[in-house]
Protein backbone atom coordinates (compact mmCIF):
# COMPACT_ATOMS: atom_id res chain seq x y z
CA MET A 1 -16.63 5.34 32.81
CA ILE A 2 -16.32 9.08 32.17
CA LYS A 3 -12.81 9.02 33.62
CA LEU A 4 -11.88 6.14 31.30
CA VAL A 5 -13.14 8.03 28.26
CA LYS A 6 -11.22 11.14 29.31
CA ASN A 7 -8.04 9.11 29.75
CA LEU A 8 -8.49 7.49 26.34
CA VAL A 9 -8.92 10.89 24.72
CA VAL A 10 -5.91 12.39 26.53
CA TYR A 11 -3.62 9.43 25.77
CA SER A 12 -4.77 9.29 22.16
CA VAL A 13 -3.93 12.97 21.70
CA LEU A 14 -0.53 12.49 23.37
CA ILE A 15 0.24 9.47 21.16
CA LEU A 16 -0.69 11.45 18.04
CA ILE A 17 1.51 14.35 19.14
CA ALA A 18 4.40 11.96 19.81
CA LEU A 19 3.98 10.33 16.39
CA GLU A 20 3.83 13.78 14.74
CA VAL A 21 7.11 14.71 16.43
CA LEU A 22 8.78 11.44 15.41
CA VAL A 23 7.69 11.81 11.77
CA ARG A 24 9.10 15.35 11.70
CA VAL A 25 12.35 14.50 13.51
CA PHE A 26 13.15 11.55 11.22
CA HIS A 27 11.73 13.35 8.16
CA LEU A 28 9.53 10.43 7.12
CA TYR A 29 7.13 12.70 5.21
CA ASN A 30 7.32 13.83 1.59
CA ASP A 31 8.01 17.57 1.76
CA MET A 32 6.70 18.38 -1.73
CA PRO A 33 6.69 22.00 -2.99
CA GLU A 34 3.53 23.91 -3.84
CA ARG A 35 2.30 24.46 -7.40
CA TYR A 36 0.98 27.50 -9.22
CA VAL A 37 -0.37 28.24 -12.69
CA ASP A 38 1.55 30.84 -14.71
CA SER A 39 0.13 33.49 -17.06
CA LYS A 40 0.21 31.01 -19.96
CA ASN A 41 -1.88 28.47 -18.06
CA ILE A 42 1.03 26.11 -17.42
CA ASN A 43 1.51 24.19 -14.15
CA LYS A 44 4.75 25.06 -12.37
CA TRP A 45 6.25 24.94 -8.89
CA ILE A 46 6.41 28.17 -6.91
CA PRO A 47 9.99 29.50 -7.35
CA GLY A 48 12.43 29.56 -4.46
CA GLN A 49 11.17 26.47 -2.65
CA THR A 50 13.67 23.97 -1.25
CA GLY A 51 13.18 20.77 0.67
CA TYR A 52 13.37 17.00 0.53
CA ALA A 53 11.22 14.63 -1.50
CA VAL A 54 10.77 11.35 0.37
CA TYR A 55 9.49 8.16 -1.24
CA GLY A 56 8.92 4.66 0.06
CA ASN A 57 7.64 3.32 3.35
CA ARG A 58 10.72 3.95 5.51
CA VAL A 59 12.56 6.71 3.67
CA GLN A 60 13.68 4.35 0.93
CA ASN A 61 14.62 7.39 -1.12
CA MET A 62 15.25 10.96 0.05
CA ALA A 63 16.39 13.65 -2.36
CA GLU A 64 16.90 17.39 -2.05
CA TYR A 65 15.10 19.67 -4.50
CA HIS A 66 15.45 23.32 -5.48
CA ILE A 67 12.85 25.21 -7.51
CA ASN A 68 14.42 27.83 -9.78
CA GLU A 69 12.98 31.13 -11.01
CA SER A 70 11.31 29.37 -13.95
CA GLY A 71 9.34 27.07 -11.63
CA TYR A 72 11.26 23.83 -12.23
CA ASN A 73 13.45 21.60 -10.08
CA SER A 74 16.96 22.53 -11.16
CA TYR A 75 20.45 23.47 -9.96
CA ARG A 76 20.57 26.35 -12.49
CA GLU A 77 18.42 29.14 -13.91
CA PHE A 78 17.13 28.94 -17.50
CA LYS A 79 18.62 31.87 -19.40
CA PRO A 80 19.30 30.81 -23.01
CA THR A 81 21.43 33.00 -25.28
CA GLU A 82 22.59 32.88 -28.88
CA GLU A 83 26.23 32.30 -27.83
CA LYS A 84 26.15 29.20 -25.59
CA PHE A 85 25.09 25.66 -26.46
CA GLU A 86 21.90 24.87 -24.58
CA LEU A 87 19.95 21.63 -24.34
CA ALA A 88 16.36 21.40 -23.06
CA LEU A 89 15.06 18.17 -21.55
CA ILE A 90 11.26 18.18 -21.42
CA GLY A 91 9.07 15.57 -19.76
CA ASP A 92 7.22 14.39 -16.69
CA SER A 93 8.46 13.27 -13.26
CA TYR A 94 11.32 11.29 -14.84
CA ILE A 95 12.84 14.56 -16.07
CA GLU A 96 11.63 16.55 -13.07
CA GLY A 97 13.92 14.48 -10.91
CA PHE A 98 12.45 14.59 -7.41
CA HIS A 99 13.90 11.09 -6.96
CA GLN A 100 17.47 12.44 -7.07
CA ASN A 101 19.36 15.31 -5.49
CA TYR A 102 18.89 18.34 -7.74
CA TYR A 103 22.65 18.87 -7.96
CA SER A 104 23.26 15.39 -9.43
CA SER A 105 20.47 15.35 -12.02
CA ILE A 106 20.61 14.03 -15.58
CA GLY A 107 21.27 17.56 -16.80
CA LYS A 108 24.16 18.07 -14.39
CA ARG A 109 25.71 14.78 -15.47
CA ILE A 110 25.54 15.90 -19.12
CA GLU A 111 27.11 19.25 -18.24
CA ASP A 112 29.94 17.45 -16.47
CA GLU A 113 30.57 15.58 -19.72
CA PHE A 114 30.61 18.80 -21.75
CA PRO A 115 31.83 21.71 -19.61
CA GLY A 116 30.53 25.01 -20.92
CA ILE A 117 27.10 23.87 -22.12
CA GLU A 118 23.87 24.41 -20.19
CA VAL A 119 21.08 21.86 -19.72
CA TYR A 120 17.57 23.03 -18.84
CA GLU A 121 15.31 20.39 -17.29
CA TYR A 122 11.67 21.32 -17.95
CA GLY A 123 10.13 18.42 -16.05
CA HIS A 124 6.81 18.48 -14.24
CA SER A 125 4.89 15.56 -12.76
CA ALA A 126 2.08 14.14 -14.93
CA ASN A 127 3.00 16.21 -18.01
CA ASP A 128 2.11 14.50 -21.30
CA MET A 129 3.01 15.30 -24.91
CA ALA A 130 0.33 18.00 -25.11
CA ASP A 131 1.87 19.74 -22.08
CA GLN A 132 5.34 19.45 -23.54
CA LEU A 133 4.61 20.78 -27.02
CA TYR A 134 2.40 23.54 -25.64
CA LEU A 135 5.24 24.60 -23.33
CA VAL A 136 7.57 25.09 -26.30
CA TYR A 137 4.85 26.71 -28.41
CA SER A 138 4.00 29.20 -25.65
CA ASN A 139 7.62 30.12 -24.97
CA ARG A 140 9.07 30.36 -28.46
CA GLU A 141 11.15 33.41 -27.52
CA LEU A 142 13.13 31.12 -25.18
CA PHE A 143 13.16 27.84 -27.11
CA ASP A 144 14.21 29.53 -30.36
CA LYS A 145 17.55 30.22 -28.65
CA ILE A 146 17.98 26.67 -27.37
CA ASP A 147 20.09 24.46 -29.64
CA LYS A 148 18.62 21.03 -28.89
CA ILE A 149 15.31 19.89 -27.42
CA ILE A 150 14.66 16.35 -26.22
CA PHE A 151 11.12 15.24 -25.32
CA TYR A 152 10.68 12.20 -23.09
CA ILE A 153 7.43 10.32 -23.66
CA LYS A 154 5.77 7.07 -22.71
CA PHE A 155 3.45 6.04 -25.54
CA GLU A 156 0.71 4.58 -23.36
CA ASN A 157 0.43 7.58 -21.03
CA ASP A 158 1.42 10.66 -22.99
CA LEU A 159 -0.60 10.58 -26.21
CA ASN A 160 -4.18 10.33 -24.99
CA ARG A 161 -5.25 13.81 -26.10
CA ASP A 162 -4.85 15.88 -29.26
CA GLU A 163 -4.92 19.37 -27.75
CA TYR A 164 -3.57 21.12 -24.68
CA ARG A 165 -6.11 21.85 -21.98
CA HIS A 166 -5.04 22.94 -18.53
CA ILE A 167 -5.39 20.24 -15.87
CA ALA A 168 -5.03 21.28 -12.24
CA HIS A 169 -2.98 18.92 -10.06
CA HIS A 170 -3.53 20.48 -6.64
CA PRO A 171 -3.84 17.81 -3.92
CA ARG A 172 -7.00 17.97 -1.83
CA PHE A 173 -7.27 18.89 1.83
CA MET A 174 -4.09 20.99 1.84
CA MET A 175 -4.83 22.40 5.31
CA LEU A 176 -5.01 18.88 6.76
CA ARG A 177 -1.66 18.11 5.19
CA LYS A 178 0.01 20.61 7.50
CA SER A 179 0.18 17.56 9.74
CA LYS A 180 3.29 15.65 8.68
CA LEU A 181 1.92 12.52 10.34
CA LEU A 182 -1.14 12.68 8.09
CA GLU A 183 1.06 13.41 5.06
CA TYR A 184 3.15 10.34 5.88
CA ALA A 185 0.05 8.20 6.36
CA ILE A 186 -1.29 9.31 2.96
CA ASN A 187 2.02 8.62 1.20
CA ILE A 188 2.37 5.05 2.52
CA GLY A 189 -1.25 4.15 1.75
CA VAL A 190 -2.71 4.06 5.26
CA MET A 191 -5.41 6.52 4.18
CA ASP A 192 -6.32 4.68 0.96
CA PRO A 193 -9.50 3.09 2.41
CA VAL A 194 -10.67 6.54 3.54
CA LYS A 195 -9.96 8.02 0.09
CA GLU A 196 -11.83 5.17 -1.56
CA LEU A 197 -14.78 5.68 0.76
CA MET A 198 -14.84 9.41 0.00
CA GLY A 199 -14.73 8.60 -3.71
CA ASP A 200 -17.64 6.19 -3.36
CA ILE A 201 -19.66 8.81 -1.49
CA ARG A 202 -19.01 11.42 -4.18
CA GLU A 203 -19.96 8.92 -6.85
CA MET A 204 -23.22 8.10 -5.08
CA ALA A 205 -24.02 11.81 -4.74
CA LYS A 206 -23.72 12.42 -8.48
CA PRO A 207 -26.97 12.53 -10.48
CA LYS A 208 -27.50 9.26 -12.28
CA GLU A 209 -27.16 9.41 -16.05
CA PRO A 210 -28.50 6.83 -18.48
CA ARG A 211 -25.84 4.21 -19.11
CA THR A 212 -24.66 3.65 -22.64
CA GLU A 213 -22.66 0.56 -23.31
CA LYS A 214 -19.54 1.14 -25.41
CA ALA A 215 -17.44 -1.61 -26.87
CA PRO A 216 -13.89 -1.47 -25.45
CA LEU A 217 -11.26 -0.30 -27.89
CA ASN A 218 -8.71 -2.93 -28.83
CA ASP A 219 -4.96 -2.31 -28.69
CA LYS A 220 -4.61 -1.59 -32.40
CA VAL A 221 -7.34 1.04 -32.33
CA LEU A 222 -5.81 2.69 -29.26
CA GLU A 223 -2.41 2.63 -30.93
CA ALA A 224 -3.78 4.28 -34.08
CA ASN A 225 -5.64 6.91 -32.03
CA ARG A 226 -2.50 7.83 -30.11
CA ILE A 227 -0.51 8.21 -33.31
CA LYS A 228 -3.29 10.46 -34.66
CA ASN A 229 -3.13 12.48 -31.45
CA PHE A 230 0.60 12.94 -31.90
CA ASP A 231 0.11 14.17 -35.47
CA ALA A 232 -2.64 16.56 -34.35
CA LEU A 233 -0.42 17.97 -31.60
CA VAL A 234 2.49 18.46 -33.99
CA GLU A 235 0.23 20.18 -36.51
CA ARG A 236 -1.23 22.44 -33.84
CA TYR A 237 1.90 23.35 -31.87
CA GLY A 238 4.76 22.53 -34.23
CA PHE A 239 7.83 20.33 -33.90
CA ASP A 240 11.26 21.49 -35.06
CA VAL A 241 12.70 18.28 -36.52
CA ASP A 242 16.05 19.96 -37.14
CA LYS A 243 16.83 20.37 -33.45
CA SER A 244 14.40 18.09 -31.62
CA ALA A 245 14.40 14.43 -30.68
CA ILE A 246 12.21 12.01 -28.73
CA LEU A 247 13.56 9.89 -25.89
CA LEU A 248 11.66 6.62 -25.43
CA ASP A 249 11.82 2.97 -24.47
CA SER A 250 11.10 0.71 -27.45
CA ARG A 251 10.23 -2.16 -25.09
CA ILE A 252 6.98 -0.37 -24.26
CA THR A 253 6.52 1.59 -27.50
CA PRO A 254 4.77 0.15 -30.58
CA THR A 255 7.03 -0.34 -33.58
CA ALA A 256 4.45 1.45 -35.74
CA PHE A 257 4.92 4.65 -33.75
CA ILE A 258 8.72 4.52 -33.90
CA GLU A 259 8.57 3.94 -37.66
CA HIS A 260 6.11 6.82 -37.95
CA LEU A 261 8.54 9.14 -36.15
CA ARG A 262 11.35 8.13 -38.49
CA ASP A 263 9.10 8.67 -41.51
CA LEU A 264 8.67 12.23 -40.21
CA ASP A 265 12.49 12.56 -39.94
CA ILE A 266 12.25 12.86 -36.16
CA ASP A 267 15.30 11.61 -34.27
CA VAL A 268 14.59 8.80 -31.80
CA ILE A 269 16.78 8.17 -28.77
CA ASP A 270 15.89 4.64 -27.66
CA PHE A 271 17.32 3.59 -24.30
CA ALA A 272 15.88 0.05 -24.29
CA SER A 273 19.04 -1.77 -25.40
CA THR A 274 21.23 0.47 -23.21
CA PHE A 275 19.24 -0.52 -20.13
CA GLU A 276 19.22 -4.19 -21.08
CA GLU A 277 22.90 -4.46 -21.97
CA SER A 278 24.42 -2.16 -19.36
CA GLY A 279 21.99 -3.01 -16.61
CA GLY A 280 22.43 -6.75 -16.54
CA SER A 281 21.81 -7.86 -12.99
CA ARG A 282 22.02 -4.26 -11.77
CA ARG A 283 18.76 -2.36 -11.31
CA THR A 284 18.08 0.74 -13.39
CA THR A 285 14.91 1.69 -11.50
CA LEU A 286 13.99 2.29 -7.88
CA ILE A 287 12.83 -0.63 -5.74
CA TYR A 288 9.32 0.66 -5.06
CA ASP A 289 8.43 2.20 -8.46
CA LYS A 290 9.60 2.53 -12.07
CA HIS A 291 11.46 5.83 -11.83
CA TRP A 292 15.13 5.63 -12.79
CA ASN A 293 17.61 5.22 -9.96
CA GLY A 294 21.08 6.77 -9.95
CA PHE A 295 22.49 4.11 -12.28
CA GLY A 296 19.56 4.43 -14.69
CA ARG A 297 19.98 8.21 -14.81
CA LYS A 298 23.68 7.77 -15.48
CA LEU A 299 22.87 5.58 -18.50
CA ILE A 300 20.31 8.10 -19.77
CA SER A 301 22.77 10.98 -19.43
CA GLU A 302 25.46 9.03 -21.29
CA LEU A 303 23.06 8.21 -24.11
CA ILE A 304 22.00 11.85 -24.48
CA SER A 305 25.65 12.95 -24.34
CA GLN A 306 26.43 10.65 -27.27
CA TYR A 307 23.49 12.11 -29.19
CA ILE A 308 24.56 15.77 -28.79
CA GLN A 309 28.34 15.21 -29.06
CA GLU A 310 28.67 16.22 -32.71
CA ASP A 311 26.51 19.32 -32.23
CA VAL A 312 28.54 20.43 -29.21
CA GLN A 313 31.80 19.91 -31.07
CA ALA A 314 30.48 21.84 -34.08
CA MET A 315 29.49 24.73 -31.81
CA GLU A 316 32.90 24.76 -30.12
CA SER A 317 34.74 24.78 -33.46
CA LYS A 318 33.00 27.96 -34.62
């Protein structure tokens, strides 16, 4: 019996080692960079990191990333001047671009359309409108030199607060994630039951508070609250309507909000019809989630190029 137990332990360890080697050899794991918080309390990626972001169960998508000196995934450094035409794209993971090779990003596609301009992609996972406006507000010495700024937002996710407050996004159990086998298991959902169990245990350990029943907010109330949050953010951190625009999808954005933006003289770049008309039977998103695939990013870059064309031409004619 003791010999059987020993054999089980030995073979289990050997199997785990073999699986660890296989996961590393075939790069099945998501080799995400590490974050840090800068002096202005903004989440960024530690500069200089390179690697491959892997998504999907069997490497359905693998893309190379490169973190620049500013702490963002980009093929170039962000050094705006008064002479060049510069465009800033600000948003969450859609702008961050870990689902594409960093050298074929939306910004690079736009630069290929207009040689001589520079596109700065300030994308960071989970950033909302508060993060985006606070970023510009806290770095006015840089953004004052940039000619155009485009904010990408999703109405339902990005307008749930009216003030910037730092939110840490560090994954738990970082030491355990040195195991690429464990990292792979987490990414494909094998560890979800364990995470749920840990969450239940933490919830049970919390001191019980008296429950207060609150009536759920209906869609119209939520919509009005989010519009109020947008106004509060703009009042607090500013919004340069002369050189800024908002990129959105009107299929998932209330008409009231779009009309509100236009009442404020804010340019709206709506890619809904572009995706519907140009996409047709061709996908514009990845198979396993809603991030844009290569074709979707091509459509976005073309739409933005059309938007900035007159400004670029005006700059070149000076």
